[in-house]
Protein backbone atom coordinates (compact mmCIF):
# COMPACT_ATOMS: atom_id res chain seq x y z
CA UNK A 1 -37.91 30.22 11.32
CA UNK A 2 -37.58 27.40 13.74
CA UNK A 3 -35.37 24.39 13.01
CA UNK A 4 -37.77 22.11 14.89
CA UNK A 5 -40.24 22.42 12.01
CA UNK A 6 -37.76 20.67 9.70
CA UNK A 7 -36.91 17.85 12.11
CA UNK A 8 -39.45 15.36 10.65
CA UNK A 9 -38.19 16.03 7.14
CA UNK A 10 -34.56 15.56 8.15
CA UNK A 11 -35.46 12.40 10.05
CA UNK A 12 -37.33 11.07 7.01
CA UNK A 13 -34.30 11.76 4.78
CA UNK A 14 -31.89 10.10 7.22
CA UNK A 15 -34.08 7.01 7.56
CA UNK A 16 -34.43 6.79 3.77
CA UNK A 17 -30.69 7.02 3.22
CA UNK A 18 -29.98 4.47 5.93
CA UNK A 19 -32.52 2.02 4.49
CA UNK A 20 -30.78 2.32 1.12
CA UNK A 21 -27.19 2.16 2.34
CA UNK A 22 -27.25 -0.22 5.29
CA UNK A 23 -28.21 -3.41 3.37
CA UNK A 24 -25.35 -2.76 0.97
CA UNK A 25 -22.87 -2.25 3.79
CA UNK A 26 -24.10 -5.34 5.64
CA UNK A 27 -23.87 -7.41 2.46
CA UNK A 28 -20.36 -6.19 1.79
CA UNK A 29 -19.22 -6.98 5.32
CA UNK A 30 -20.96 -10.34 5.75
CA UNK A 31 -20.85 -11.56 2.15
CA UNK A 32 -18.39 -14.26 1.11
CA UNK A 33 -15.26 -13.13 -0.70
CA UNK A 34 -13.49 -16.12 -2.23
CA UNK A 35 -11.99 -15.02 -5.56
CA UNK A 36 -10.16 -17.50 -7.76
CA UNK A 37 -8.80 -17.55 -11.29
CA UNK A 38 -12.06 -18.80 -12.84
CA UNK A 39 -14.17 -16.09 -11.19
CA UNK A 40 -11.80 -13.29 -12.14
CA UNK A 41 -11.43 -14.36 -15.77
CA UNK A 42 -13.58 -12.66 -18.42
CA UNK A 43 -16.53 -14.66 -19.71
CA UNK A 44 -16.34 -15.10 -23.47
CA UNK A 45 -18.93 -17.79 -24.27
CA UNK A 46 -16.41 -20.63 -24.24
CA UNK A 47 -14.12 -19.42 -26.99
CA UNK A 48 -11.37 -16.88 -27.28
CA UNK A 49 -12.34 -13.29 -27.99
CA UNK A 50 -11.85 -12.04 -31.52
CA UNK A 51 -11.87 -8.54 -32.89
CA UNK A 52 -12.04 -5.32 -30.97
CA UNK A 53 -14.69 -4.81 -28.32
CA UNK A 54 -15.15 -1.25 -29.59
CA UNK A 55 -15.86 -2.06 -33.22
CA UNK A 56 -18.05 0.34 -35.15
CA UNK A 57 -21.60 -0.61 -36.05
CA UNK A 58 -23.32 0.36 -39.24
CA UNK A 59 -25.72 3.30 -39.01
CA UNK A 60 -28.57 1.06 -40.15
CA UNK A 61 -28.23 -0.89 -36.91
CA UNK A 62 -28.96 2.23 -34.87
CA UNK A 63 -31.81 3.29 -37.17
CA UNK A 64 -33.49 -0.09 -36.85
CA UNK A 65 -33.05 0.04 -33.08
CA UNK A 66 -34.63 3.49 -32.90
CA UNK A 67 -37.54 2.39 -35.10
CA UNK A 68 -38.04 -0.68 -32.95
CA UNK A 69 -38.22 1.48 -29.82
CA UNK A 70 -40.65 3.91 -31.45
CA UNK A 71 -43.04 1.24 -32.69
CA UNK A 72 -42.68 -0.86 -29.55
CA UNK A 73 -43.91 1.95 -27.37
């Protein structure tokens, strides 16, 4: 087996990874970073949060959601 046979495949993989990663790195480096209190605060639709974010839903909610997905497809 000769490694030169796999060179185009390795080159294709490296180019694909670089095309996916480089725009993210460039955006992170060149993008503006000006945090303030309003940007870092949680968005709650204009009023204070109430209840627990991890409240339990009724089983009927999940059944209706599953039926919707089945009949929507």
